[in-house]
Structures are given as C-alpha cells and as structure tokens.
Amino acid sequence: MPTFTSKKYHPSALQNTLGARYRRSLSRHPFLLFGLPFIGTILAGSFFLTPATALRYERHDRKVQRISQEEAMGLGRNKRKVDLNEEYYRLAAKDLDDWEQKRIRRFKGEPDGIL
C-alpha cells in the first residue's frame, strides 16, 4: 500500500478562483469580510421588515371592532343597567352578621395554623 505524502493538494487552476481568494483573505481580515457583512444584513433586514410589520398590525387593527363597555360585559338591550352605588347598597343591605367560620380539613402533613 502506498503512503500518502503530507503535502497538501493545491491545483494551480483552483488557486485563483473567487472562493479561494476569499478564503485566503478571510483568515487575514475576519471581521471585515465576515462580521461586517453579517451585521449589515441584520440591520438592513430590520429596516426593511419594520414597514411590513407595521402594515400587518394596521390590517389587524382594522379588523378588530371597538365595542362598548356594556357589550364587553355581555349586557344586552333587555338587561338592566348596572350602577356601582346601587350594587354597593344592595350588597350592604344583606344580613352579614350571622355568618359562621368553618375550618376545612387539611391534607395529611399540612399545617393547619393552630398554635
């Protein structure tokens, strides 16, 4: 079996191609030839995608209708109007003096708060 030489194979026809020249110069100037175009692509994409995103949200906003607070609460035309003062006094008029505190059963090993 023949042994392979440690000499790298560089055909002279492929040394002057655009890719070979780029690879050689990339090792000398990595940021200039790789980092700067990458960052530039990201920034350009950001500026080009901003109007497209704005258009998307504007179209969505046109579809969404503004509804009143009563419609949001589910009150129709046949329902009574809700007044906060009236509801407060109606709830305050209930007899709240005869309630009794009841303890619930706790899970096994859970503290029940009794000292």
N, C-alpha and C. Protein backbone atom coordinates (compact mmCIF):
# COMPACT_ATOMS: atom_id res chain seq x y z
N MET A 1 0.82 -1.17 0.00
CA MET A 1 0.00 0.00 0.00
C MET A 1 0.88 1.25 0.00
N PRO A 2 0.59 2.21 -0.89
CA PRO A 2 1.44 3.40 -0.93
C PRO A 2 1.13 4.34 0.24
N THR A 3 2.11 5.02 0.68
CA THR A 3 1.92 6.01 1.76
C THR A 3 1.56 7.35 1.15
N PHE A 4 0.80 8.09 1.90
CA PHE A 4 0.39 9.41 1.42
C PHE A 4 1.37 10.46 1.90
N THR A 5 1.61 11.42 1.07
CA THR A 5 2.53 12.49 1.46
C THR A 5 1.80 13.51 2.31
N SER A 6 2.53 14.27 3.08
CA SER A 6 1.92 15.29 3.93
C SER A 6 1.73 16.59 3.18
N LYS A 7 2.11 16.59 1.93
CA LYS A 7 1.96 17.80 1.15
C LYS A 7 0.48 17.97 0.74
N LYS A 8 -0.07 19.19 0.92
CA LYS A 8 -1.47 19.43 0.57
C LYS A 8 -1.61 19.55 -0.93
N TYR A 9 -2.78 19.19 -1.40
CA TYR A 9 -3.06 19.23 -2.83
C TYR A 9 -3.65 20.61 -3.17
N HIS A 10 -2.95 21.38 -3.95
CA HIS A 10 -3.40 22.69 -4.39
C HIS A 10 -3.22 22.78 -5.90
N PRO A 11 -4.22 22.45 -6.64
CA PRO A 11 -4.06 22.58 -8.09
C PRO A 11 -3.98 24.06 -8.45
N SER A 12 -3.17 24.38 -9.37
CA SER A 12 -2.93 25.78 -9.73
C SER A 12 -4.17 26.41 -10.37
N ALA A 13 -5.03 25.61 -10.98
CA ALA A 13 -6.22 26.17 -11.62
C ALA A 13 -7.23 26.65 -10.59
N LEU A 14 -7.28 26.03 -9.39
CA LEU A 14 -8.26 26.40 -8.39
C LEU A 14 -7.77 27.47 -7.42
N GLN A 15 -6.50 27.84 -7.50
CA GLN A 15 -5.96 28.83 -6.56
C GLN A 15 -6.43 30.25 -6.88
N ASN A 16 -6.81 30.51 -8.07
CA ASN A 16 -7.20 31.87 -8.44
C ASN A 16 -8.71 32.06 -8.53
N THR A 17 -9.48 31.10 -8.07
CA THR A 17 -10.94 31.27 -8.10
C THR A 17 -11.36 32.28 -7.03
N LEU A 18 -12.57 32.78 -7.16
CA LEU A 18 -13.08 33.77 -6.22
C LEU A 18 -13.18 33.19 -4.80
N GLY A 19 -13.64 31.95 -4.70
CA GLY A 19 -13.76 31.32 -3.39
C GLY A 19 -12.43 31.13 -2.70
N ALA A 20 -11.41 30.72 -3.45
CA ALA A 20 -10.08 30.51 -2.87
C ALA A 20 -9.49 31.83 -2.40
N ARG A 21 -9.64 32.87 -3.20
CA ARG A 21 -9.12 34.19 -2.79
C ARG A 21 -9.87 34.70 -1.54
N TYR A 22 -11.20 34.46 -1.49
CA TYR A 22 -11.97 34.89 -0.32
C TYR A 22 -11.51 34.13 0.93
N ARG A 23 -11.31 32.83 0.83
CA ARG A 23 -10.86 32.04 1.99
C ARG A 23 -9.48 32.48 2.47
N ARG A 24 -8.60 32.79 1.55
CA ARG A 24 -7.26 33.25 1.95
C ARG A 24 -7.34 34.60 2.67
N SER A 25 -8.11 35.51 2.12
CA SER A 25 -8.18 36.84 2.74
C SER A 25 -9.05 36.84 4.00
N LEU A 26 -9.95 35.85 4.14
CA LEU A 26 -10.79 35.76 5.34
C LEU A 26 -9.95 35.47 6.58
N SER A 27 -8.90 34.70 6.41
CA SER A 27 -8.05 34.41 7.57
C SER A 27 -7.27 35.66 8.00
N ARG A 28 -7.03 36.59 7.09
CA ARG A 28 -6.30 37.82 7.44
C ARG A 28 -7.22 38.89 8.02
N HIS A 29 -8.44 39.02 7.48
CA HIS A 29 -9.37 40.08 7.89
C HIS A 29 -10.75 39.48 8.17
N PRO A 30 -10.92 38.77 9.28
CA PRO A 30 -12.19 38.08 9.50
C PRO A 30 -13.39 39.01 9.73
N PHE A 31 -13.18 40.10 10.49
CA PHE A 31 -14.33 40.97 10.76
C PHE A 31 -14.76 41.72 9.50
N LEU A 32 -13.80 42.20 8.76
CA LEU A 32 -14.11 42.98 7.57
C LEU A 32 -14.85 42.14 6.52
N LEU A 33 -14.47 40.88 6.36
CA LEU A 33 -15.05 40.06 5.31
C LEU A 33 -16.20 39.16 5.77
N PHE A 34 -16.37 38.97 7.07
CA PHE A 34 -17.47 38.14 7.56
C PHE A 34 -18.38 38.88 8.53
N GLY A 35 -17.80 39.50 9.55
CA GLY A 35 -18.59 40.14 10.59
C GLY A 35 -19.36 41.36 10.12
N LEU A 36 -18.69 42.23 9.37
CA LEU A 36 -19.33 43.45 8.89
C LEU A 36 -20.48 43.16 7.93
N PRO A 37 -20.33 42.27 6.94
CA PRO A 37 -21.49 41.96 6.10
C PRO A 37 -22.63 41.30 6.88
N PHE A 38 -22.30 40.50 7.88
CA PHE A 38 -23.33 39.86 8.69
C PHE A 38 -24.14 40.90 9.46
N ILE A 39 -23.46 41.82 10.12
CA ILE A 39 -24.14 42.86 10.88
C ILE A 39 -24.93 43.76 9.93
N GLY A 40 -24.36 44.06 8.78
CA GLY A 40 -25.07 44.88 7.79
C GLY A 40 -26.34 44.22 7.31
N THR A 41 -26.30 42.91 7.11
CA THR A 41 -27.50 42.18 6.68
C THR A 41 -28.58 42.23 7.75
N ILE A 42 -28.18 42.07 9.00
CA ILE A 42 -29.14 42.13 10.10
C ILE A 42 -29.78 43.51 10.19
N LEU A 43 -28.99 44.57 10.10
CA LEU A 43 -29.53 45.93 10.17
C LEU A 43 -30.43 46.24 8.99
N ALA A 44 -30.03 45.85 7.79
CA ALA A 44 -30.85 46.10 6.61
C ALA A 44 -32.17 45.35 6.70
N GLY A 45 -32.13 44.12 7.18
CA GLY A 45 -33.36 43.35 7.36
C GLY A 45 -34.29 44.01 8.35
N SER A 46 -33.73 44.59 9.40
CA SER A 46 -34.54 45.28 10.40
C SER A 46 -35.26 46.47 9.77
N PHE A 47 -34.53 47.25 8.97
CA PHE A 47 -35.15 48.42 8.35
C PHE A 47 -36.17 48.04 7.28
N PHE A 48 -35.96 46.94 6.58
CA PHE A 48 -36.91 46.53 5.54
C PHE A 48 -38.15 45.84 6.13
N LEU A 49 -37.99 45.18 7.28
CA LEU A 49 -39.12 44.46 7.86
C LEU A 49 -40.01 45.33 8.74
N THR A 50 -39.52 46.49 9.17
CA THR A 50 -40.32 47.37 10.02
C THR A 50 -41.61 47.83 9.33
N PRO A 51 -41.58 48.32 8.09
CA PRO A 51 -42.86 48.70 7.45
C PRO A 51 -43.79 47.52 7.23
N ALA A 52 -43.24 46.35 6.93
CA ALA A 52 -44.08 45.18 6.72
C ALA A 52 -44.79 44.79 8.01
N THR A 53 -44.10 44.87 9.12
CA THR A 53 -44.71 44.55 10.41
C THR A 53 -45.77 45.58 10.77
N ALA A 54 -45.50 46.86 10.50
CA ALA A 54 -46.48 47.90 10.79
C ALA A 54 -47.74 47.69 9.95
N LEU A 55 -47.57 47.32 8.71
CA LEU A 55 -48.71 47.05 7.84
C LEU A 55 -49.55 45.89 8.37
N ARG A 56 -48.88 44.88 8.88
CA ARG A 56 -49.59 43.72 9.43
C ARG A 56 -50.46 44.12 10.62
N TYR A 57 -49.89 44.91 11.53
CA TYR A 57 -50.65 45.31 12.71
C TYR A 57 -51.76 46.30 12.36
N GLU A 58 -51.55 47.16 11.38
CA GLU A 58 -52.60 48.08 10.96
C GLU A 58 -53.78 47.31 10.35
N ARG A 59 -53.49 46.31 9.57
CA ARG A 59 -54.55 45.49 8.99
C ARG A 59 -55.33 44.76 10.09
N HIS A 60 -54.60 44.27 11.10
CA HIS A 60 -55.27 43.59 12.21
C HIS A 60 -56.15 44.56 12.98
N ASP A 61 -55.68 45.79 13.19
CA ASP A 61 -56.47 46.78 13.92
C ASP A 61 -57.74 47.15 13.17
N ARG A 62 -57.70 47.14 11.85
CA ARG A 62 -58.90 47.45 11.09
C ARG A 62 -59.96 46.37 11.27
N LYS A 63 -59.54 45.13 11.45
CA LYS A 63 -60.48 44.03 11.60
C LYS A 63 -61.15 44.03 12.97
N VAL A 64 -60.42 44.45 13.98
CA VAL A 64 -60.95 44.44 15.34
C VAL A 64 -61.88 45.63 15.52
N GLN A 65 -63.08 45.38 16.00
CA GLN A 65 -64.05 46.44 16.19
C GLN A 65 -64.03 46.89 17.64
N ARG A 66 -64.28 48.16 17.80
CA ARG A 66 -64.33 48.69 19.15
C ARG A 66 -65.74 48.48 19.69
N ILE A 67 -65.84 47.90 20.88
CA ILE A 67 -67.15 47.64 21.47
C ILE A 67 -67.27 48.44 22.76
N SER A 68 -68.49 48.71 23.14
CA SER A 68 -68.70 49.49 24.35
C SER A 68 -68.48 48.60 25.58
N GLN A 69 -68.42 49.27 26.73
CA GLN A 69 -68.18 48.52 27.98
C GLN A 69 -69.36 47.60 28.28
N GLU A 70 -70.58 48.02 27.96
CA GLU A 70 -71.74 47.19 28.22
C GLU A 70 -71.71 45.93 27.36
N GLU A 71 -71.32 46.07 26.08
CA GLU A 71 -71.24 44.90 25.22
C GLU A 71 -70.14 43.96 25.69
N ALA A 72 -69.05 44.52 26.19
CA ALA A 72 -67.95 43.69 26.68
C ALA A 72 -68.38 42.89 27.90
N MET A 73 -69.24 43.47 28.71
CA MET A 73 -69.70 42.76 29.90
C MET A 73 -70.81 41.78 29.58
N GLY A 74 -71.31 41.79 28.37
CA GLY A 74 -72.34 40.85 27.99
C GLY A 74 -73.75 41.32 28.27
N LEU A 75 -73.91 42.60 28.50
CA LEU A 75 -75.24 43.13 28.77
C LEU A 75 -75.89 43.53 27.45
N GLY A 76 -77.07 43.03 27.22
CA GLY A 76 -77.79 43.37 26.00
C GLY A 76 -78.76 44.51 26.23
N ARG A 77 -79.69 44.68 25.33
CA ARG A 77 -80.68 45.76 25.45
C ARG A 77 -81.72 45.44 26.51
N ASN A 78 -82.01 44.18 26.72
CA ASN A 78 -83.06 43.79 27.65
C ASN A 78 -82.57 43.70 29.10
N LYS A 79 -81.29 43.81 29.29
CA LYS A 79 -80.74 43.69 30.64
C LYS A 79 -80.82 45.03 31.36
N ARG A 80 -80.80 44.96 32.69
CA ARG A 80 -80.87 46.21 33.45
C ARG A 80 -79.50 46.87 33.50
N LYS A 81 -79.50 48.15 33.67
CA LYS A 81 -78.25 48.91 33.77
C LYS A 81 -77.63 48.66 35.14
N VAL A 82 -76.31 48.64 35.17
CA VAL A 82 -75.59 48.39 36.41
C VAL A 82 -75.05 49.71 36.92
N ASP A 83 -75.40 50.02 38.16
CA ASP A 83 -74.89 51.22 38.81
C ASP A 83 -74.08 50.75 40.01
N LEU A 84 -72.86 51.23 40.15
CA LEU A 84 -71.99 50.76 41.22
C LEU A 84 -72.53 51.13 42.60
N ASN A 85 -73.08 52.32 42.72
CA ASN A 85 -73.63 52.72 44.03
C ASN A 85 -74.81 51.83 44.40
N GLU A 86 -75.67 51.57 43.44
CA GLU A 86 -76.83 50.73 43.70
C GLU A 86 -76.40 49.31 44.09
N GLU A 87 -75.41 48.76 43.41
CA GLU A 87 -74.93 47.42 43.74
C GLU A 87 -74.30 47.39 45.12
N TYR A 88 -73.58 48.44 45.49
CA TYR A 88 -72.95 48.50 46.81
C TYR A 88 -74.01 48.49 47.91
N TYR A 89 -75.00 49.32 47.75
CA TYR A 89 -76.04 49.39 48.79
C TYR A 89 -76.88 48.11 48.82
N ARG A 90 -77.07 47.48 47.67
CA ARG A 90 -77.84 46.24 47.65
C ARG A 90 -77.09 45.13 48.39
N LEU A 91 -75.78 45.06 48.18
CA LEU A 91 -74.98 44.05 48.88
C LEU A 91 -74.81 44.38 50.35
N ALA A 92 -74.74 45.67 50.68
CA ALA A 92 -74.58 46.07 52.08
C ALA A 92 -75.85 45.82 52.87
N ALA A 93 -76.98 45.77 52.21
CA ALA A 93 -78.25 45.55 52.91
C ALA A 93 -78.43 44.10 53.33
N LYS A 94 -77.65 43.20 52.76
CA LYS A 94 -77.78 41.79 53.16
C LYS A 94 -77.34 41.62 54.60
N ASP A 95 -77.89 40.64 55.25
CA ASP A 95 -77.55 40.38 56.65
C ASP A 95 -76.24 39.62 56.72
N LEU A 96 -75.19 40.30 57.08
CA LEU A 96 -73.87 39.68 57.14
C LEU A 96 -73.43 39.38 58.57
N ASP A 97 -74.32 39.53 59.54
CA ASP A 97 -73.93 39.36 60.93
C ASP A 97 -74.02 37.92 61.42
N ASP A 98 -74.73 37.06 60.73
CA ASP A 98 -74.92 35.70 61.25
C ASP A 98 -74.11 34.66 60.47
N TRP A 99 -72.92 35.00 60.07
CA TRP A 99 -72.08 34.02 59.38
C TRP A 99 -71.22 33.29 60.40
N GLU A 100 -70.80 32.13 60.05
CA GLU A 100 -70.01 31.31 60.96
C GLU A 100 -68.75 30.83 60.23
N GLN A 101 -67.62 30.92 60.90
CA GLN A 101 -66.37 30.49 60.29
C GLN A 101 -66.24 28.98 60.44
N LYS A 102 -65.95 28.30 59.34
CA LYS A 102 -65.81 26.85 59.37
C LYS A 102 -64.41 26.49 58.90
N ARG A 103 -63.81 25.55 59.60
CA ARG A 103 -62.47 25.09 59.22
C ARG A 103 -62.62 23.95 58.21
N ILE A 104 -61.71 23.90 57.26
CA ILE A 104 -61.73 22.82 56.29
C ILE A 104 -60.68 21.78 56.68
N ARG A 105 -60.88 20.56 56.20
CA ARG A 105 -59.93 19.51 56.51
C ARG A 105 -58.67 19.73 55.67
N ARG A 106 -57.51 19.63 56.30
CA ARG A 106 -56.23 19.85 55.62
C ARG A 106 -55.69 18.52 55.11
N PHE A 107 -54.77 18.61 54.16
CA PHE A 107 -54.10 17.40 53.69
C PHE A 107 -53.19 16.86 54.77
N LYS A 108 -52.84 15.59 54.65
CA LYS A 108 -52.01 14.95 55.65
C LYS A 108 -50.62 15.62 55.64
N GLY A 109 -50.15 16.04 56.80
CA GLY A 109 -48.84 16.65 56.92
C GLY A 109 -48.85 18.16 56.69
N GLU A 110 -49.97 18.73 56.27
CA GLU A 110 -50.03 20.18 56.04
C GLU A 110 -50.38 20.88 57.35
N PRO A 111 -49.68 21.97 57.69
CA PRO A 111 -50.00 22.67 58.96
C PRO A 111 -51.36 23.34 58.84
N ASP A 112 -52.11 23.29 59.93
CA ASP A 112 -53.45 23.86 59.87
C ASP A 112 -53.54 25.23 60.52
N GLY A 113 -52.46 25.77 60.99
CA GLY A 113 -52.45 27.12 61.54
C GLY A 113 -52.82 27.20 63.01
N ILE A 114 -53.04 26.09 63.66
CA ILE A 114 -53.36 26.11 65.09
C ILE A 114 -52.05 26.05 65.85
N LEU A 115 -51.88 27.00 66.77
CA LEU A 115 -50.63 27.04 67.55
C LEU A 115 -50.69 26.11 68.72
